[in-house]
Protein backbone atom coordinates (compact mmCIF):
# COMPACT_ATOMS: atom_id res chain seq x y z
CA MET A 1 0.14 0.17 -0.04
CA SER A 2 1.59 3.36 -1.03
CA SER A 3 2.20 5.74 2.05
CA ASP A 4 -0.30 8.34 0.35
CA LYS A 5 -3.08 5.69 0.32
CA GLN A 6 -2.03 4.77 4.02
CA THR A 7 -2.18 8.52 5.37
CA ARG A 8 -5.82 8.56 3.77
CA ILE A 9 -6.82 5.71 5.36
CA SER A 10 -5.51 6.75 8.59
CA ARG A 11 -7.14 10.09 8.33
CA TYR A 12 -10.48 8.57 9.19
CA GLN A 13 -9.01 5.93 12.14
CA GLN A 14 -11.80 7.67 14.64
CA SER A 15 -14.49 6.91 12.51
CA SER A 16 -13.33 3.50 11.58
CA GLN A 17 -13.32 2.73 15.62
CA TRP A 18 -16.49 4.22 16.16
CA LEU A 19 -17.60 2.04 13.65
CA GLN A 20 -16.68 -1.22 15.07
CA ARG A 21 -18.15 -0.23 18.45
CA ALA A 22 -21.50 0.88 16.51
CA CYS A 23 -21.88 -2.23 14.55
CA GLU A 24 -21.81 -4.12 17.90
CA HIS A 25 -25.07 -2.51 19.26
CA ILE A 26 -26.40 -1.15 16.14
CA PRO A 27 -27.25 -3.30 12.94
CA LEU A 28 -25.41 -1.39 10.13
CA GLY A 29 -24.06 0.73 12.65
CA SER A 30 -26.63 3.44 11.66
CA GLN A 31 -30.25 4.21 11.95
CA THR A 32 -30.48 4.86 8.25
CA PHE A 33 -29.26 2.90 5.40
CA SER A 34 -28.45 6.40 3.06
CA LYS A 35 -26.35 7.34 6.06
CA SER A 36 -24.52 4.36 6.70
CA HIS A 37 -21.14 3.24 6.11
CA ILE A 38 -22.02 1.24 3.14
CA GLN A 39 -23.26 4.46 0.96
CA TYR A 40 -19.89 5.99 1.38
CA PRO A 41 -16.28 4.70 -0.15
CA SER A 42 -14.75 2.48 2.14
CA GLN A 43 -11.54 3.64 4.21
CA ALA A 44 -12.25 7.04 2.28
CA ALA A 45 -14.99 9.23 3.92
CA PRO A 46 -16.03 10.17 7.47
CA LEU A 47 -18.61 8.20 9.00
CA PHE A 48 -19.16 10.23 12.13
CA LEU A 49 -20.02 13.46 12.63
CA THR A 50 -19.80 15.98 15.77
CA HIS A 51 -21.57 18.80 14.79
CA GLY A 52 -22.38 21.40 12.12
CA LYS A 53 -22.53 25.00 12.02
CA GLY A 54 -24.21 26.84 8.87
CA SER A 55 -23.03 24.94 5.61
CA HIS A 56 -20.39 23.04 7.27
CA VAL A 57 -19.77 19.51 9.56
CA TRP A 58 -17.41 18.16 11.56
CA ASP A 59 -16.50 14.48 11.76
CA VAL A 60 -14.95 12.33 14.90
CA ASP A 61 -11.54 12.77 13.85
CA GLY A 62 -11.81 16.79 13.62
CA HIS A 63 -11.99 17.60 9.90
CA ALA A 64 -14.30 20.25 8.36
CA TYR A 65 -16.41 19.38 5.27
CA VAL A 66 -18.79 21.56 3.06
CA ASP A 67 -21.92 19.22 3.34
CA LEU A 68 -23.88 18.74 -0.02
CA VAL A 69 -25.70 15.82 1.81
CA ASN A 70 -27.27 18.27 4.87
CA SER A 71 -29.04 15.13 6.50
CA LEU A 72 -30.61 13.82 3.09
CA LEU A 73 -32.29 17.09 2.39
CA ALA A 74 -33.67 17.87 5.36
CA VAL A 75 -31.49 20.50 6.63
CA VAL A 76 -32.49 23.34 4.15
CA LEU A 77 -31.48 26.32 5.97
CA GLY A 78 -28.18 25.50 7.17
CA TYR A 79 -26.70 23.67 10.67
CA CYS A 80 -27.93 25.84 13.77
CA ASP A 81 -30.03 28.05 11.95
CA PRO A 82 -30.22 31.11 14.35
CA ASP A 83 -34.12 31.41 13.69
CA VAL A 84 -35.09 27.76 14.08
CA ASP A 85 -33.05 27.53 16.94
CA ALA A 86 -34.36 30.66 18.89
CA ALA A 87 -38.00 28.82 18.28
CA ILE A 88 -36.85 25.67 19.87
CA THR A 89 -35.22 27.09 22.64
CA GLN A 90 -38.18 29.27 23.41
CA GLN A 91 -40.59 26.29 23.33
CA LEU A 92 -38.05 23.96 25.21
CA ARG A 93 -38.68 26.50 28.17
CA SER A 94 -42.17 25.93 28.00
CA GLY A 95 -42.10 22.11 27.58
CA ILE A 96 -41.86 19.43 24.76
CA SER A 97 -44.88 17.10 24.57
CA PHE A 98 -48.20 17.62 26.31
CA SER A 99 -51.52 15.99 27.90
CA LEU A 100 -53.28 18.24 25.34
CA PRO A 101 -52.56 19.36 21.83
CA THR A 102 -50.97 23.12 21.74
CA THR A 103 -51.91 26.04 19.75
CA LEU A 104 -48.91 25.40 17.74
CA GLU A 105 -50.36 22.65 15.80
CA THR A 106 -52.99 25.13 14.67
CA GLU A 107 -51.08 27.76 13.68
CA LEU A 108 -48.67 25.65 11.70
CA ALA A 109 -52.07 24.12 9.69
CA ARG A 110 -53.07 27.33 9.27
CA TRP A 111 -49.96 28.39 7.27
CA LEU A 112 -49.87 25.22 5.10
CA THR A 113 -53.26 25.51 4.07
CA GLU A 114 -52.83 29.11 2.85
CA HIS A 115 -49.85 28.14 0.68
CA ILE A 116 -50.07 24.15 -0.46
CA PRO A 117 -52.63 24.06 -2.89
CA CYS A 118 -54.30 20.91 -2.39
CA ALA A 119 -54.06 21.33 1.74
CA GLU A 120 -57.27 21.97 3.34
CA MET A 121 -56.58 20.14 6.25
CA CYS A 122 -53.63 18.46 7.63
CA ARG A 123 -52.22 16.09 9.98
CA TYR A 124 -48.82 15.68 11.53
CA ALA A 125 -46.11 12.79 11.50
CA LYS A 126 -42.45 12.56 12.24
CA ASN A 127 -41.04 10.81 9.04
CA GLY A 128 -41.87 10.97 5.19
CA THR A 129 -42.86 7.27 5.53
CA ASP A 130 -45.59 7.93 7.89
CA ALA A 131 -46.90 10.58 5.89
CA THR A 132 -47.12 8.66 2.46
CA SER A 133 -48.79 5.62 4.51
CA ALA A 134 -51.45 7.74 6.10
CA ALA A 135 -52.15 9.10 2.45
CA ILE A 136 -52.30 5.80 1.21
CA ARG A 137 -54.76 4.42 3.87
CA LEU A 138 -56.60 7.31 3.64
CA ALA A 139 -57.05 6.89 0.20
CA ARG A 140 -58.23 3.09 0.37
CA ALA A 141 -60.81 3.98 2.80
CA ALA A 142 -61.84 6.82 0.72
CA THR A 143 -62.43 4.26 -2.36
CA GLY A 144 -62.73 0.97 -0.46
CA ARG A 145 -60.11 -0.38 -2.79
CA ASP A 146 -56.72 -2.40 -1.87
CA ARG A 147 -54.28 -1.74 -5.15
CA VAL A 148 -51.97 0.94 -5.24
CA ALA A 149 -49.89 2.20 -8.04
CA LEU A 150 -46.84 3.88 -7.30
CA CYS A 151 -43.42 5.61 -9.03
CA GLY A 152 -40.35 6.05 -7.11
CA TYR A 153 -39.33 5.59 -3.36
CA HIS A 154 -41.92 6.28 -1.13
CA GLY A 155 -40.59 4.83 2.53
CA TRP A 156 -39.91 1.51 4.41
CA GLN A 157 -43.55 0.69 4.70
CA ASP A 158 -44.51 -2.90 3.39
CA TRP A 159 -46.93 -1.39 0.92
CA SER A 160 -43.97 0.56 -0.59
CA ILE A 161 -40.60 -1.21 0.26
CA GLY A 162 -42.21 -4.56 -1.10
CA THR A 163 -41.82 -3.42 -4.95
CA THR A 164 -38.10 -3.40 -4.41
CA THR A 165 -35.46 -5.85 -3.95
CA ARG A 166 -35.17 -4.83 -0.27
CA ASN A 167 -38.41 -6.93 0.22
CA LEU A 168 -37.39 -9.52 2.78
CA GLY A 169 -40.05 -9.75 5.35
CA ILE A 170 -42.93 -8.38 3.23
CA PRO A 171 -45.80 -10.66 2.75
CA GLN A 172 -46.57 -11.85 -0.48
CA ALA A 173 -50.18 -10.66 -0.59
CA VAL A 174 -48.96 -7.37 0.48
CA ARG A 175 -46.57 -6.92 -2.34
CA ASP A 176 -49.14 -8.21 -4.64
CA LEU A 177 -51.33 -5.08 -3.94
CA SER A 178 -48.78 -2.63 -4.91
CA HIS A 179 -47.84 -1.96 -8.68
CA THR A 180 -45.08 0.17 -10.22
CA PHE A 181 -45.07 2.48 -13.27
CA PRO A 182 -42.52 4.37 -14.90
CA TYR A 183 -42.31 7.85 -14.89
CA ASN A 184 -43.22 10.46 -17.86
CA ASP A 185 -45.18 7.20 -19.29
CA LEU A 186 -49.15 7.93 -19.51
CA PRO A 187 -49.44 4.79 -21.58
CA ALA A 188 -47.84 2.40 -18.96
CA LEU A 189 -49.60 3.97 -16.02
CA GLU A 190 -53.23 3.62 -18.29
CA ASN A 191 -52.66 0.20 -19.04
CA LEU A 192 -51.87 -0.69 -15.41
CA LEU A 193 -55.04 0.83 -14.53
CA LYS A 194 -57.05 -1.25 -16.71
CA GLN A 195 -55.13 -4.32 -15.77
CA HIS A 196 -57.35 -4.02 -12.95
CA PRO A 197 -60.33 -2.04 -13.14
CA GLY A 198 -61.99 -0.64 -10.19
CA GLN A 199 -59.21 -1.95 -7.83
CA PHE A 200 -56.65 1.21 -7.69
CA ALA A 201 -57.17 2.95 -4.35
CA ALA A 202 -54.29 5.61 -5.49
CA VAL A 203 -51.76 6.62 -7.89
CA ILE A 204 -48.66 8.03 -5.90
CA LEU A 205 -45.73 9.61 -7.28
CA GLU A 206 -43.05 12.16 -6.35
CA PRO A 207 -44.08 14.95 -9.21
CA MET A 208 -40.67 15.55 -10.01
CA ASN A 209 -37.52 13.23 -9.08
CA VAL A 210 -34.57 13.03 -11.46
CA ALA A 211 -36.43 14.24 -14.51
CA TYR A 212 -38.87 17.21 -15.42
CA PRO A 213 -42.68 15.94 -16.14
CA ARG A 214 -43.10 16.10 -19.97
CA PRO A 215 -45.68 18.82 -20.80
CA GLY A 216 -49.21 17.50 -19.89
CA TYR A 217 -47.58 14.36 -18.07
CA LEU A 218 -48.73 15.50 -14.62
CA GLU A 219 -52.48 16.55 -15.66
CA GLY A 220 -52.70 13.31 -17.39
CA VAL A 221 -51.97 11.67 -14.30
CA ARG A 222 -54.37 13.12 -12.62
CA ASP A 223 -57.21 12.82 -14.83
CA LEU A 224 -56.31 8.80 -15.27
CA ALA A 225 -56.34 8.42 -11.52
CA HIS A 226 -59.82 9.94 -11.58
CA GLU A 227 -61.10 8.47 -14.39
CA HIS A 228 -60.52 5.27 -12.72
CA GLY A 229 -61.94 6.50 -9.39
CA SER A 230 -58.69 6.37 -7.85
CA LEU A 231 -57.18 9.25 -5.35
CA LEU A 232 -53.95 11.34 -6.81
CA ILE A 233 -51.06 11.39 -4.08
CA PHE A 234 -48.07 13.71 -4.33
CA ASP A 235 -44.94 12.49 -2.53
CA GLU A 236 -43.83 16.01 -1.56
CA ILE A 237 -41.53 14.90 1.00
CA ILE A 238 -38.59 16.14 -0.93
CA THR A 239 -40.01 18.68 -3.62
CA GLY A 240 -42.33 20.42 -0.94
CA PHE A 241 -40.87 23.73 -0.01
CA ARG A 242 -37.67 23.01 -1.82
CA PHE A 243 -38.90 23.28 -5.24
CA HIS A 244 -41.37 25.96 -4.16
CA ILE A 245 -42.95 27.40 -0.94
CA GLY A 246 -46.17 25.92 -2.25
CA GLY A 247 -44.40 22.42 -3.47
CA ALA A 248 -44.02 20.97 -7.07
CA GLN A 249 -47.97 21.22 -7.29
CA THR A 250 -47.64 24.95 -7.15
CA LEU A 251 -44.55 24.75 -9.54
CA PHE A 252 -46.34 22.68 -12.13
CA GLY A 253 -50.02 23.81 -11.65
CA VAL A 254 -51.30 20.48 -10.75
CA THR A 255 -53.24 19.89 -7.62
CA PRO A 256 -53.31 16.22 -6.03
CA ASP A 257 -56.11 15.22 -3.83
CA LEU A 258 -53.77 13.97 -0.98
CA ALA A 259 -49.92 15.14 -0.56
CA SER A 260 -47.23 14.33 1.77
CA ILE A 261 -44.64 16.71 3.06
CA GLY A 262 -41.55 16.50 5.29
CA LYS A 263 -37.51 17.05 5.19
CA SER A 264 -37.47 20.99 4.50
CA MET A 265 -40.33 21.69 6.65
CA GLY A 266 -38.58 21.55 10.05
CA ASN A 267 -34.75 22.42 9.11
CA GLY A 268 -33.53 18.75 10.42
CA MET A 269 -36.41 18.72 13.31
CA PRO A 270 -38.19 15.08 13.01
CA ILE A 271 -41.49 16.48 11.20
CA SER A 272 -43.98 15.57 8.48
CA ALA A 273 -47.60 15.77 7.40
CA VAL A 274 -49.99 14.53 5.15
CA VAL A 275 -52.18 17.28 3.71
CA GLY A 276 -55.31 17.30 1.39
CA LYS A 277 -58.63 18.18 0.41
CA ALA A 278 -61.10 18.13 3.43
CA LYS A 279 -63.38 15.65 2.47
CA TYR A 280 -60.75 12.92 2.45
CA MET A 281 -58.95 14.16 5.19
CA ARG A 282 -61.46 14.19 7.56
CA LEU A 283 -61.61 10.63 7.35
CA MET A 284 -58.64 10.83 9.69
CA GLU A 285 -61.65 10.69 12.42
CA ASP A 286 -62.28 7.15 11.21
CA ILE A 287 -59.16 5.47 10.28
CA PHE A 288 -56.43 5.11 12.84
CA PHE A 289 -53.45 6.96 12.50
CA SER A 290 -52.20 8.57 15.85
CA GLY A 291 -49.11 9.01 17.77
CA THR A 292 -47.93 10.21 20.96
CA PHE A 293 -45.78 12.54 19.47
CA GLY A 294 -47.55 13.80 16.55
CA GLY A 295 -48.24 17.15 18.32
CA GLU A 296 -44.53 17.36 20.03
CA ALA A 297 -43.94 21.10 20.30
CA LEU A 298 -40.26 21.49 19.56
CA SER A 299 -40.81 20.25 15.81
CA LEU A 300 -43.83 22.39 15.57
CA ALA A 301 -42.17 25.38 16.64
CA ALA A 302 -38.82 24.78 14.59
CA SER A 303 -41.15 24.10 11.46
CA LEU A 304 -43.06 27.24 11.81
CA ALA A 305 -39.92 29.31 12.37
CA THR A 306 -38.53 27.29 9.15
CA VAL A 307 -41.45 27.91 6.80
CA LYS A 308 -41.91 31.50 7.47
CA LYS A 309 -38.09 31.85 6.82
CA LEU A 310 -38.38 29.72 3.55
CA GLU A 311 -41.09 32.47 2.72
CA ARG A 312 -39.61 35.38 4.01
CA GLU A 313 -35.96 34.88 2.39
CA ASN A 314 -37.55 33.72 -0.59
CA VAL A 315 -35.05 30.24 0.01
CA PRO A 316 -36.27 27.93 -2.88
CA ALA A 317 -34.91 30.63 -5.24
CA ARG A 318 -31.79 30.88 -3.58
CA LEU A 319 -31.32 26.79 -3.41
CA ALA A 320 -32.37 26.96 -7.26
CA ALA A 321 -29.67 29.86 -8.11
CA THR A 322 -26.93 28.12 -5.94
CA GLY A 323 -27.93 24.67 -7.47
CA GLN A 324 -27.45 26.16 -10.83
CA LYS A 325 -24.45 27.59 -10.34
CA ILE A 326 -22.58 24.53 -9.09
CA ALA A 327 -24.34 22.32 -11.91
CA ASP A 328 -23.08 24.59 -14.75
CA ALA A 329 -19.65 24.37 -13.44
CA PHE A 330 -19.96 20.69 -12.98
CA GLU A 331 -21.20 19.92 -16.61
CA ALA A 332 -18.51 22.42 -17.92
CA MET A 333 -15.77 20.38 -16.07
CA THR A 334 -17.59 16.73 -17.48
CA ALA A 335 -17.16 18.49 -20.84
CA LYS A 336 -13.29 19.33 -20.14
CA TYR A 337 -12.58 16.00 -19.17
CA GLN A 338 -14.71 14.03 -21.63
CA LEU A 339 -16.63 12.41 -18.95
CA GLN A 340 -20.04 13.99 -19.96
CA ASP A 341 -21.18 10.25 -20.96
CA VAL A 342 -20.13 8.53 -17.58
CA ILE A 343 -21.14 10.93 -15.09
CA LYS A 344 -24.29 12.95 -15.64
CA LEU A 345 -26.60 15.58 -13.51
CA ALA A 346 -30.53 15.25 -13.59
CA GLY A 347 -32.83 16.93 -11.77
CA HIS A 348 -33.78 20.41 -10.77
CA PRO A 349 -31.33 22.86 -9.73
CA ALA A 350 -32.21 22.53 -5.83
CA TRP A 351 -31.80 18.86 -6.01
CA LYS A 352 -29.42 17.68 -9.03
CA ILE A 353 -28.79 14.34 -8.94
CA MET A 354 -25.59 12.49 -10.28
CA GLN A 355 -26.10 9.59 -12.87
CA PHE A 356 -22.97 7.31 -12.73
CA VAL A 357 -22.55 4.96 -16.25
CA ASP A 358 -20.69 1.94 -16.71
CA HIS A 359 -17.40 2.43 -18.58
CA PRO A 360 -14.91 -0.05 -20.38
CA HIS A 361 -12.66 0.09 -17.48
CA ALA A 362 -14.97 0.34 -14.44
CA THR A 363 -18.35 -0.40 -13.21
CA LEU A 364 -20.57 2.64 -12.51
CA TRP A 365 -20.50 1.79 -8.58
CA GLU A 366 -16.63 1.84 -8.83
CA ILE A 367 -16.47 5.20 -10.65
CA LYS A 368 -19.11 6.58 -7.99
CA SER A 369 -16.60 5.23 -5.43
CA LEU A 370 -13.68 6.91 -6.51
CA TYR A 371 -15.44 10.06 -7.54
CA LEU A 372 -16.61 10.74 -4.20
CA GLN A 373 -13.34 9.40 -2.39
CA GLU A 374 -11.48 12.30 -3.91
CA LEU A 375 -14.15 14.75 -3.57
CA ILE A 376 -14.37 14.32 0.06
CA ALA A 377 -10.68 14.36 0.19
CA GLY A 378 -11.05 17.62 -1.25
CA GLY A 379 -13.55 18.78 2.07
CA VAL A 380 -16.85 18.13 0.24
CA LEU A 381 -19.12 15.53 1.80
CA SER A 382 -21.64 14.21 -0.71
CA ILE A 383 -23.67 10.85 -1.42
CA GLY A 384 -23.48 11.74 -5.13
CA SER A 385 -26.11 14.86 -5.40
CA HIS A 386 -26.25 18.45 -4.70
CA ASN A 387 -28.21 18.83 -1.93
CA VAL A 388 -27.75 22.49 -1.26
CA SER A 389 -28.93 24.79 1.65
CA PHE A 390 -29.66 28.41 2.19
CA SER A 391 -26.39 28.52 4.04
CA HIS A 392 -24.01 27.54 1.13
CA ASP A 393 -22.03 30.85 0.17
CA GLU A 394 -19.79 31.90 -2.53
CA SER A 395 -16.72 30.52 -0.75
CA ASP A 396 -18.50 27.27 -0.31
CA ILE A 397 -19.60 27.09 -4.19
CA GLN A 398 -15.99 27.82 -5.19
CA LYS A 399 -14.96 24.94 -2.89
CA ILE A 400 -17.45 22.68 -4.24
CA ILE A 401 -16.35 23.10 -7.86
CA GLN A 402 -12.42 22.97 -6.97
CA ALA A 403 -12.79 19.45 -5.13
CA GLN A 404 -15.33 18.43 -8.08
CA ASP A 405 -12.48 19.36 -10.64
CA HIS A 406 -9.98 17.69 -8.65
CA ALA A 407 -12.42 14.30 -8.26
CA LEU A 408 -13.20 14.48 -12.10
CA ARG A 409 -9.52 14.93 -13.44
CA THR A 410 -8.57 11.94 -11.38
CA VAL A 411 -11.80 9.79 -12.81
CA ARG A 412 -10.63 10.81 -16.54
CA ASP A 413 -7.16 9.72 -15.30
CA ALA A 414 -8.01 6.54 -13.99
CA LEU A 415 -10.68 5.80 -16.82
CA GLN A 416 -7.73 6.35 -19.05
CA ALA A 417 -4.95 4.58 -17.58
CA ASP A 418 -7.52 1.51 -16.51
CA ASP A 419 -6.52 1.40 -12.96
CA LEU A 420 -9.35 2.90 -11.21
CA LEU A 421 -9.47 -0.13 -8.59
CA SER A 422 -6.12 0.62 -7.79
CA ARG A 423 -6.81 4.15 -6.43
CA LEU A 424 -9.81 3.17 -4.27
CA ASN A 425 -8.76 3.09 -0.56
CA GLY A 426 -10.97 0.26 -0.19
CA PRO A 427 -13.83 -1.93 -2.07
CA PRO A 428 -16.35 0.36 -3.78
CA ILE A 429 -19.67 1.32 -2.95
CA GLN A 430 -22.34 -1.32 -3.10
CA PRO A 431 -25.67 -0.71 -4.36
CA LEU A 432 -28.77 -0.54 -2.14
CA PHE A 433 -31.52 -0.69 -4.73
CA ARG A 434 -32.73 1.98 -7.04
CA VAL A 435 -35.47 4.20 -6.39
CA ARG A 436 -35.40 7.02 -9.05
């Protein structure tokens, strides 16, 4: 092993030791697959963080990084945002969870119903999975049907994750009720709905993920769902607030029956919600969707401060501008290094996703591993997407571009020399499952 590689590996000594300890007590050593060691290049990335401030995070070995992960898009304003922290601190003095609802529940609900087109009523939860699953249960209750048509990733519950390769433990009877369809393909959805006439409770999809909706696509999905007696559900866990204050449904002018929101609504605090038309939401009084911490006050206070700042500072526009600047530079660099067919960007400027492609000299996972290894070595934490936040400033942008230039040049040199594997500190990343 070269001295340079040994030096790089020793850089993460504390992370490696903490991983060993964690795996003795915690399956995978993490609570979240996408935050675990299997999603980062082996011996080439920090695995545990100690704190964050603004656009930066620090690992257990004391190294600082510009963060392009931002807690999987949950930290939209930046770490320790003063307005959000002040709201949390003030509420903490009064209490966290109570024996009856607080007025915060109504205050936030009023804001949401004023800004999100489909939101006439709302109910809170803690994770995106909670909200999407509540929406599915509502749709089944409203229609008296069982089948679900879904496109994209919607959380870990049986009805959703059962359609992926991570379906261990999901009853076949449950899996048989969920049917996937490709994005931007109206005929495929129409054929699916016709295969089981009168049986679909809902059509659920992210209104946008790696691709923009084709003209008329979302309108067509809405019309097909309603034509077949199904409810249309938008999973706006990511697109909500990040793409537009009113979500992608405002951005694209198509209003669903129900929607799930989360991620950006709390700047890292655990909160999500299902929102929708009152005639469906009132079924919450009949189905059972209830949790002790649904009205937990710190998250509600944080959410109110977050959404008000998102609106006041026009944060979605700032995210798009920051993301576009990084994307433009990235695409210029991939052209410079003749990698435009190997590493591509897709999606909205506020959330660009990298798409790695197999090369004759390396698999896409090997390429991704080397790219991330070199990017992280350059002081930028990433899992292969541009999860920009309001706190990213011009100096952060320039550091990101500089680190990306080095990483792309290294990938180019490795592919040309056909020695990519020898440049990795450890084994390449293994795929979890493809969700988009």
